[in-house]
Amino acid sequence: MMARGTQNVRVADLLANPENAFWLDAVRRAEDANPASTLNKLRRLSTPPPPITINAHNEILDGRHRVLIAMERGQTYIEANIAP
């Protein structure tokens, strides 16, 4: 179980959760080719996006698009808020 608050979380740990992997793949397939999608808007950002939100089991509650962008950028860690 993780402590509450903002911390850096390994992207690999998020991908190890099968539910996260399923939804990340679904988001990528649904939005990749749409130029107006949230995913493509985030790709154009030059600044880091806000932290994602996960629970104590590393399940992504908010921020799947941001995790995909972090993966594309080769980040090994992403900032996350830990929800109760």
PDB file of N, CA and C in Angstrom:
ATOM      1  N   MET A   1       0.839  -1.181   0.000  1.00  0.00           N
ATOM      2  CA  MET A   1       0.000   0.000   0.000  1.00  0.00           C
ATOM      3  C   MET A   1       0.886   1.247   0.000  1.00  0.00           C
ATOM      4  N   MET A   2       0.482   2.269  -0.763  1.00  0.00           N
ATOM      5  CA  MET A   2       1.274   3.480  -0.894  1.00  0.00           C
ATOM      6  C   MET A   2       0.754   4.554   0.056  1.00  0.00           C
ATOM      7  N   ALA A   3       1.657   5.436   0.450  1.00  0.00           N
ATOM      8  CA  ALA A   3       1.263   6.580   1.269  1.00  0.00           C
ATOM      9  C   ALA A   3       0.530   7.598   0.413  1.00  0.00           C
ATOM     10  N   ARG A   4      -0.328   8.395   1.049  1.00  0.00           N
ATOM     11  CA  ARG A   4      -1.057   9.444   0.329  1.00  0.00           C
ATOM     12  C   ARG A   4      -0.134  10.610   0.033  1.00  0.00           C
ATOM     13  N   GLY A   5      -0.506  11.404  -0.973  1.00  0.00           N
ATOM     14  CA  GLY A   5       0.272  12.572  -1.357  1.00  0.00           C
ATOM     15  C   GLY A   5       0.808  12.414  -2.764  1.00  0.00           C
ATOM     16  N   THR A   6       1.515  13.446  -3.232  1.00  0.00           N
ATOM     17  CA  THR A   6       2.086  13.407  -4.570  1.00  0.00           C
ATOM     18  C   THR A   6       3.461  12.771  -4.524  1.00  0.00           C
ATOM     19  N   GLN A   7       3.708  11.863  -5.456  1.00  0.00           N
ATOM     20  CA  GLN A   7       5.011  11.215  -5.537  1.00  0.00           C
ATOM     21  C   GLN A   7       5.263  10.741  -6.963  1.00  0.00           C
ATOM     22  N   ASN A   8       6.496  10.415  -7.241  1.00  0.00           N
ATOM     23  CA  ASN A   8       6.839   9.859  -8.544  1.00  0.00           C
ATOM     24  C   ASN A   8       6.591   8.362  -8.511  1.00  0.00           C
ATOM     25  N   VAL A   9       5.892   7.893  -9.536  1.00  0.00           N
ATOM     26  CA  VAL A   9       5.538   6.476  -9.639  1.00  0.00           C
ATOM     27  C   VAL A   9       6.160   5.925 -10.912  1.00  0.00           C
ATOM     28  N   ARG A  10       6.692   4.711 -10.829  1.00  0.00           N
ATOM     29  CA  ARG A  10       7.270   4.085 -12.018  1.00  0.00           C
ATOM     30  C   ARG A  10       6.173   3.734 -13.017  1.00  0.00           C
ATOM     31  N   VAL A  11       6.381   4.122 -14.258  1.00  0.00           N
ATOM     32  CA  VAL A  11       5.432   3.802 -15.324  1.00  0.00           C
ATOM     33  C   VAL A  11       5.301   2.283 -15.453  1.00  0.00           C
ATOM     34  N   ALA A  12       6.391   1.564 -15.308  1.00  0.00           N
ATOM     35  CA  ALA A  12       6.356   0.095 -15.401  1.00  0.00           C
ATOM     36  C   ALA A  12       5.443  -0.509 -14.347  1.00  0.00           C
ATOM     37  N   ASP A  13       5.398   0.094 -13.148  1.00  0.00           N
ATOM     38  CA  ASP A  13       4.503  -0.411 -12.108  1.00  0.00           C
ATOM     39  C   ASP A  13       3.041  -0.204 -12.491  1.00  0.00           C
ATOM     40  N   LEU A  14       2.753   0.905 -13.169  1.00  0.00           N
ATOM     41  CA  LEU A  14       1.385   1.145 -13.631  1.00  0.00           C
ATOM     42  C   LEU A  14       1.004   0.146 -14.713  1.00  0.00           C
ATOM     43  N   LEU A  15       1.943  -0.154 -15.600  1.00  0.00           N
ATOM     44  CA  LEU A  15       1.672  -1.091 -16.693  1.00  0.00           C
ATOM     45  C   LEU A  15       1.541  -2.528 -16.205  1.00  0.00           C
ATOM     46  N   ALA A  16       2.085  -2.828 -15.041  1.00  0.00           N
ATOM     47  CA  ALA A  16       1.994  -4.179 -14.490  1.00  0.00           C
ATOM     48  C   ALA A  16       0.569  -4.513 -14.056  1.00  0.00           C
ATOM     49  N   ASN A  17      -0.263  -3.505 -13.860  1.00  0.00           N
ATOM     50  CA  ASN A  17      -1.655  -3.728 -13.491  1.00  0.00           C
ATOM     51  C   ASN A  17      -2.446  -4.027 -14.772  1.00  0.00           C
ATOM     52  N   PRO A  18      -3.038  -5.212 -14.896  1.00  0.00           N
ATOM     53  CA  PRO A  18      -3.741  -5.593 -16.134  1.00  0.00           C
ATOM     54  C   PRO A  18      -4.880  -4.639 -16.499  1.00  0.00           C
ATOM     55  N   GLU A  19      -5.572  -4.117 -15.527  1.00  0.00           N
ATOM     56  CA  GLU A  19      -6.670  -3.178 -15.797  1.00  0.00           C
ATOM     57  C   GLU A  19      -6.129  -1.909 -16.451  1.00  0.00           C
ATOM     58  N   ASN A  20      -5.020  -1.393 -15.935  1.00  0.00           N
ATOM     59  CA  ASN A  20      -4.401  -0.204 -16.534  1.00  0.00           C
ATOM     60  C   ASN A  20      -3.971  -0.495 -17.963  1.00  0.00           C
ATOM     61  N   ALA A  21      -3.322  -1.623 -18.172  1.00  0.00           N
ATOM     62  CA  ALA A  21      -2.830  -1.968 -19.511  1.00  0.00           C
ATOM     63  C   ALA A  21      -3.991  -2.036 -20.506  1.00  0.00           C
ATOM     64  N   PHE A  22      -5.108  -2.633 -20.094  1.00  0.00           N
ATOM     65  CA  PHE A  22      -6.288  -2.730 -20.953  1.00  0.00           C
ATOM     66  C   PHE A  22      -6.792  -1.346 -21.345  1.00  0.00           C
ATOM     67  N   TRP A  23      -6.987  -0.460 -20.345  1.00  0.00           N
ATOM     68  CA  TRP A  23      -7.550   0.858 -20.625  1.00  0.00           C
ATOM     69  C   TRP A  23      -6.583   1.760 -21.380  1.00  0.00           C
ATOM     70  N   LEU A  24      -5.298   1.637 -21.120  1.00  0.00           N
ATOM     71  CA  LEU A  24      -4.327   2.432 -21.885  1.00  0.00           C
ATOM     72  C   LEU A  24      -4.360   2.044 -23.356  1.00  0.00           C
ATOM     73  N   ASP A  25      -4.447   0.753 -23.628  1.00  0.00           N
ATOM     74  CA  ASP A  25      -4.529   0.296 -25.008  1.00  0.00           C
ATOM     75  C   ASP A  25      -5.824   0.784 -25.666  1.00  0.00           C
ATOM     76  N   ALA A  26      -6.925   0.743 -24.930  1.00  0.00           N
ATOM     77  CA  ALA A  26      -8.214   1.195 -25.466  1.00  0.00           C
ATOM     78  C   ALA A  26      -8.180   2.686 -25.788  1.00  0.00           C
ATOM     79  N   VAL A  27      -7.589   3.483 -24.914  1.00  0.00           N
ATOM     80  CA  VAL A  27      -7.492   4.927 -25.161  1.00  0.00           C
ATOM     81  C   VAL A  27      -6.634   5.188 -26.390  1.00  0.00           C
ATOM     82  N   ARG A  28      -5.503   4.514 -26.474  1.00  0.00           N
ATOM     83  CA  ARG A  28      -4.609   4.718 -27.616  1.00  0.00           C
ATOM     84  C   ARG A  28      -5.314   4.377 -28.926  1.00  0.00           C
ATOM     85  N   ARG A  29      -5.997   3.234 -28.975  1.00  0.00           N
ATOM     86  CA  ARG A  29      -6.682   2.823 -30.208  1.00  0.00           C
ATOM     87  C   ARG A  29      -7.809   3.783 -30.575  1.00  0.00           C
ATOM     88  N   ALA A  30      -8.522   4.291 -29.582  1.00  0.00           N
ATOM     89  CA  ALA A  30      -9.668   5.157 -29.850  1.00  0.00           C
ATOM     90  C   ALA A  30      -9.259   6.562 -30.280  1.00  0.00           C
ATOM     91  N   GLU A  31      -8.111   7.033 -29.829  1.00  0.00           N
ATOM     92  CA  GLU A  31      -7.777   8.439 -30.034  1.00  0.00           C
ATOM     93  C   GLU A  31      -6.565   8.721 -30.896  1.00  0.00           C
ATOM     94  N   ASP A  32      -5.749   7.749 -31.155  1.00  0.00           N
ATOM     95  CA  ASP A  32      -4.477   7.982 -31.833  1.00  0.00           C
ATOM     96  C   ASP A  32      -4.618   8.709 -33.167  1.00  0.00           C
ATOM     97  N   ALA A  33      -5.591   8.334 -33.973  1.00  0.00           N
ATOM     98  CA  ALA A  33      -5.717   8.899 -35.321  1.00  0.00           C
ATOM     99  C   ALA A  33      -6.563  10.177 -35.377  1.00  0.00           C
ATOM    100  N   ASN A  34      -7.150  10.576 -34.262  1.00  0.00           N
ATOM    101  CA  ASN A  34      -8.008  11.760 -34.244  1.00  0.00           C
ATOM    102  C   ASN A  34      -7.175  12.994 -33.888  1.00  0.00           C
ATOM    103  N   PRO A  35      -6.957  13.919 -34.818  1.00  0.00           N
ATOM    104  CA  PRO A  35      -6.124  15.091 -34.545  1.00  0.00           C
ATOM    105  C   PRO A  35      -6.647  15.971 -33.416  1.00  0.00           C
ATOM    106  N   ALA A  36      -7.951  15.922 -33.132  1.00  0.00           N
ATOM    107  CA  ALA A  36      -8.537  16.764 -32.090  1.00  0.00           C
ATOM    108  C   ALA A  36      -8.642  16.051 -30.742  1.00  0.00           C
ATOM    109  N   SER A  37      -8.116  14.847 -30.639  1.00  0.00           N
ATOM    110  CA  SER A  37      -8.249  14.076 -29.412  1.00  0.00           C
ATOM    111  C   SER A  37      -7.413  14.661 -28.276  1.00  0.00           C
ATOM    112  N   THR A  38      -7.788  14.299 -27.075  1.00  0.00           N
ATOM    113  CA  THR A  38      -7.021  14.707 -25.891  1.00  0.00           C
ATOM    114  C   THR A  38      -5.589  14.222 -26.001  1.00  0.00           C
ATOM    115  N   LEU A  39      -5.411  13.017 -26.483  1.00  0.00           N
ATOM    116  CA  LEU A  39      -4.069  12.454 -26.624  1.00  0.00           C
ATOM    117  C   LEU A  39      -3.208  13.315 -27.545  1.00  0.00           C
ATOM    118  N   ASN A  40      -3.752  13.714 -28.670  1.00  0.00           N
ATOM    119  CA  ASN A  40      -2.977  14.540 -29.600  1.00  0.00           C
ATOM    120  C   ASN A  40      -2.758  15.964 -29.082  1.00  0.00           C
ATOM    121  N   LYS A  41      -3.696  16.486 -28.307  1.00  0.00           N
ATOM    122  CA  LYS A  41      -3.489  17.797 -27.676  1.00  0.00           C
ATOM    123  C   LYS A  41      -2.334  17.736 -26.677  1.00  0.00           C
ATOM    124  N   LEU A  42      -2.288  16.664 -25.893  1.00  0.00           N
ATOM    125  CA  LEU A  42      -1.199  16.509 -24.926  1.00  0.00           C
ATOM    126  C   LEU A  42       0.148  16.329 -25.622  1.00  0.00           C
ATOM    127  N   ARG A  43       0.159  15.690 -26.772  1.00  0.00           N
ATOM    128  CA  ARG A  43       1.404  15.512 -27.521  1.00  0.00           C
ATOM    129  C   ARG A  43       2.026  16.854 -27.898  1.00  0.00           C
ATOM    130  N   ARG A  44       1.197  17.876 -28.093  1.00  0.00           N
ATOM    131  CA  ARG A  44       1.694  19.181 -28.499  1.00  0.00           C
ATOM    132  C   ARG A  44       2.138  20.056 -27.324  1.00  0.00           C
ATOM    133  N   LEU A  45       1.871  19.632 -26.102  1.00  0.00           N
ATOM    134  CA  LEU A  45       2.285  20.424 -24.940  1.00  0.00           C
ATOM    135  C   LEU A  45       3.800  20.452 -24.816  1.00  0.00           C
ATOM    136  N   SER A  46       4.334  21.609 -24.485  1.00  0.00           N
ATOM    137  CA  SER A  46       5.776  21.701 -24.258  1.00  0.00           C
ATOM    138  C   SER A  46       6.100  21.648 -22.767  1.00  0.00           C
ATOM    139  N   THR A  47       5.089  21.752 -21.929  1.00  0.00           N
ATOM    140  CA  THR A  47       5.288  21.685 -20.484  1.00  0.00           C
ATOM    141  C   THR A  47       4.757  20.362 -19.953  1.00  0.00           C
ATOM    142  N   PRO A  48       5.238  19.932 -18.812  1.00  0.00           N
ATOM    143  CA  PRO A  48       4.739  18.673 -18.251  1.00  0.00           C
ATOM    144  C   PRO A  48       3.259  18.780 -17.885  1.00  0.00           C
ATOM    145  N   PRO A  49       2.488  17.738 -18.160  1.00  0.00           N
ATOM    146  CA  PRO A  49       1.083  17.744 -17.769  1.00  0.00           C
ATOM    147  C   PRO A  49       0.945  17.613 -16.248  1.00  0.00           C
ATOM    148  N   PRO A  50      -0.237  17.902 -15.712  1.00  0.00           N
ATOM    149  CA  PRO A  50      -0.432  17.762 -14.264  1.00  0.00           C
ATOM    150  C   PRO A  50      -0.327  16.304 -13.828  1.00  0.00           C
ATOM    151  N   PRO A  51      -0.165  16.073 -12.524  1.00  0.00           N
ATOM    152  CA  PRO A  51      -0.051  14.696 -12.027  1.00  0.00           C
ATOM    153  C   PRO A  51      -1.291  13.869 -12.333  1.00  0.00           C
ATOM    154  N   ILE A  52      -1.082  12.580 -12.456  1.00  0.00           N
ATOM    155  CA  ILE A  52      -2.200  11.652 -12.589  1.00  0.00           C
ATOM    156  C   ILE A  52      -2.721  11.347 -11.184  1.00  0.00           C
ATOM    157  N   THR A  53      -3.825  10.632 -11.107  1.00  0.00           N
ATOM    158  CA  THR A  53      -4.352  10.183  -9.820  1.00  0.00           C
ATOM    159  C   THR A  53      -4.456   8.668  -9.853  1.00  0.00           C
ATOM    160  N   ILE A  54      -3.880   8.034  -8.842  1.00  0.00           N
ATOM    161  CA  ILE A  54      -3.951   6.582  -8.714  1.00  0.00           C
ATOM    162  C   ILE A  54      -4.430   6.244  -7.309  1.00  0.00           C
ATOM    163  N   ASN A  55      -4.800   4.984  -7.115  1.00  0.00           N
ATOM    164  CA  ASN A  55      -5.143   4.542  -5.768  1.00  0.00           C
ATOM    165  C   ASN A  55      -3.982   3.737  -5.193  1.00  0.00           C
ATOM    166  N   ALA A  56      -4.179   3.200  -4.030  1.00  0.00           N
ATOM    167  CA  ALA A  56      -3.121   2.467  -3.335  1.00  0.00           C
ATOM    168  C   ALA A  56      -2.697   1.189  -4.056  1.00  0.00           C
ATOM    169  N   HIS A  57      -3.480   0.749  -5.046  1.00  0.00           N
ATOM    170  CA  HIS A  57      -3.171  -0.469  -5.804  1.00  0.00           C
ATOM    171  C   HIS A  57      -2.593  -0.154  -7.187  1.00  0.00           C
ATOM    172  N   ASN A  58      -2.147   1.101  -7.381  1.00  0.00           N
ATOM    173  CA  ASN A  58      -1.584   1.564  -8.656  1.00  0.00           C
ATOM    174  C   ASN A  58      -2.598   1.541  -9.795  1.00  0.00           C
ATOM    175  N   GLU A  59      -3.879   1.592  -9.491  1.00  0.00           N
ATOM    176  CA  GLU A  59      -4.895   1.696 -10.533  1.00  0.00           C
ATOM    177  C   GLU A  59      -5.037   3.166 -10.911  1.00  0.00           C
ATOM    178  N   ILE A  60      -5.007   3.441 -12.204  1.00  0.00           N
ATOM    179  CA  ILE A  60      -5.122   4.819 -12.679  1.00  0.00           C
ATOM    180  C   ILE A  60      -6.583   5.247 -12.581  1.00  0.00           C
ATOM    181  N   LEU A  61      -6.834   6.256 -11.762  1.00  0.00           N
ATOM    182  CA  LEU A  61      -8.179   6.790 -11.614  1.00  0.00           C
ATOM    183  C   LEU A  61      -8.405   7.964 -12.563  1.00  0.00           C
ATOM    184  N   ASP A  62      -7.359   8.739 -12.809  1.00  0.00           N
ATOM    185  CA  ASP A  62      -7.430   9.882 -13.708  1.00  0.00           C
ATOM    186  C   ASP A  62      -6.052  10.086 -14.314  1.00  0.00           C
ATOM    187  N   GLY A  63      -5.995  10.191 -15.652  1.00  0.00           N
ATOM    188  CA  GLY A  63      -4.723  10.502 -16.281  1.00  0.00           C
ATOM    189  C   GLY A  63      -4.190   9.469 -17.252  1.00  0.00           C
ATOM    190  N   ARG A  64      -5.044   8.637 -17.789  1.00  0.00           N
ATOM    191  CA  ARG A  64      -4.552   7.620 -18.737  1.00  0.00           C
ATOM    192  C   ARG A  64      -3.857   8.256 -19.938  1.00  0.00           C
ATOM    193  N   HIS A  65      -4.414   9.349 -20.437  1.00  0.00           N
ATOM    194  CA  HIS A  65      -3.792  10.039 -21.570  1.00  0.00           C
ATOM    195  C   HIS A  65      -2.384  10.514 -21.193  1.00  0.00           C
ATOM    196  N   ARG A  66      -2.249  11.020 -19.975  1.00  0.00           N
ATOM    197  CA  ARG A  66      -0.954  11.528 -19.517  1.00  0.00           C
ATOM    198  C   ARG A  66       0.070  10.412 -19.359  1.00  0.00           C
ATOM    199  N   VAL A  67      -0.391   9.231 -18.971  1.00  0.00           N
ATOM    200  CA  VAL A  67       0.521   8.081 -18.877  1.00  0.00           C
ATOM    201  C   VAL A  67       1.003   7.699 -20.276  1.00  0.00           C
ATOM    202  N   LEU A  68       0.102   7.691 -21.248  1.00  0.00           N
ATOM    203  CA  LEU A  68       0.503   7.370 -22.617  1.00  0.00           C
ATOM    204  C   LEU A  68       1.532   8.363 -23.145  1.00  0.00           C
ATOM    205  N   ILE A  69       1.356   9.639 -22.857  1.00  0.00           N
ATOM    206  CA  ILE A  69       2.313  10.650 -23.294  1.00  0.00           C
ATOM    207  C   ILE A  69       3.656  10.434 -22.598  1.00  0.00           C
ATOM    208  N   ALA A  70       3.626  10.126 -21.310  1.00  0.00           N
ATOM    209  CA  ALA A  70       4.872   9.847 -20.583  1.00  0.00           C
ATOM    210  C   ALA A  70       5.611   8.668 -21.214  1.00  0.00           C
ATOM    211  N   MET A  71       4.865   7.640 -21.605  1.00  0.00           N
ATOM    212  CA  MET A  71       5.476   6.478 -22.246  1.00  0.00           C
ATOM    213  C   MET A  71       6.099   6.875 -23.579  1.00  0.00           C
ATOM    214  N   GLU A  72       5.377   7.672 -24.370  1.00  0.00           N
ATOM    215  CA  GLU A  72       5.907   8.114 -25.666  1.00  0.00           C
ATOM    216  C   GLU A  72       7.180   8.933 -25.507  1.00  0.00           C
ATOM    217  N   ARG A  73       7.241   9.707 -24.451  1.00  0.00           N
ATOM    218  CA  ARG A  73       8.409  10.555 -24.201  1.00  0.00           C
ATOM    219  C   ARG A  73       9.563   9.799 -23.547  1.00  0.00           C
ATOM    220  N   GLY A  74       9.338   8.526 -23.262  1.00  0.00           N
ATOM    221  CA  GLY A  74      10.394   7.703 -22.679  1.00  0.00           C
ATOM    222  C   GLY A  74      10.598   7.921 -21.191  1.00  0.00           C
ATOM    223  N   GLN A  75       9.625   8.508 -20.535  1.00  0.00           N
ATOM    224  CA  GLN A  75       9.736   8.731 -19.098  1.00  0.00           C
ATOM    225  C   GLN A  75       9.598   7.397 -18.371  1.00  0.00           C
ATOM    226  N   THR A  76      10.407   7.202 -17.356  1.00  0.00           N
ATOM    227  CA  THR A  76      10.289   5.998 -16.544  1.00  0.00           C
ATOM    228  C   THR A  76       9.458   6.246 -15.296  1.00  0.00           C
ATOM    229  N   TYR A  77       9.279   7.522 -14.943  1.00  0.00           N
ATOM    230  CA  TYR A  77       8.472   7.903 -13.786  1.00  0.00           C
ATOM    231  C   TYR A  77       7.467   8.961 -14.201  1.00  0.00           C
ATOM    232  N   ILE A  78       6.345   9.003 -13.485  1.00  0.00           N
ATOM    233  CA  ILE A  78       5.330  10.031 -13.695  1.00  0.00           C
ATOM    234  C   ILE A  78       4.842  10.483 -12.317  1.00  0.00           C
ATOM    235  N   GLU A  79       4.564  11.772 -12.211  1.00  0.00           N
ATOM    236  CA  GLU A  79       4.078  12.312 -10.958  1.00  0.00           C
ATOM    237  C   GLU A  79       2.628  11.899 -10.744  1.00  0.00           C
ATOM    238  N   ALA A  80       2.309  11.466  -9.536  1.00  0.00           N
ATOM    239  CA  ALA A  80       0.957  10.972  -9.248  1.00  0.00           C
ATOM    240  C   ALA A  80       0.489  11.435  -7.882  1.00  0.00           C
ATOM    241  N   ASN A  81      -0.792  11.745  -7.820  1.00  0.00           N
ATOM    242  CA  ASN A  81      -1.465  11.968  -6.548  1.00  0.00           C
ATOM    243  C   ASN A  81      -2.063  10.633  -6.138  1.00  0.00           C
ATOM    244  N   ILE A  82      -1.897  10.285  -4.870  1.00  0.00           N
ATOM    245  CA  ILE A  82      -2.417   9.021  -4.371  1.00  0.00           C
ATOM    246  C   ILE A  82      -3.758   9.285  -3.679  1.00  0.00           C
ATOM    247  N   ALA A  83      -4.818   8.722  -4.235  1.00  0.00           N
ATOM    248  CA  ALA A  83      -6.160   8.897  -3.671  1.00  0.00           C
ATOM    249  C   ALA A  83      -6.352   7.922  -2.513  1.00  0.00           C
ATOM    250  N   PRO A  84      -7.214   8.292  -1.592  1.00  0.00           N
ATOM    251  CA  PRO A  84      -7.486   7.385  -0.450  1.00  0.00           C
ATOM    252  C   PRO A  84      -8.184   6.122  -0.895  1.00  0.00           C
TER     253      PRO A  84
END
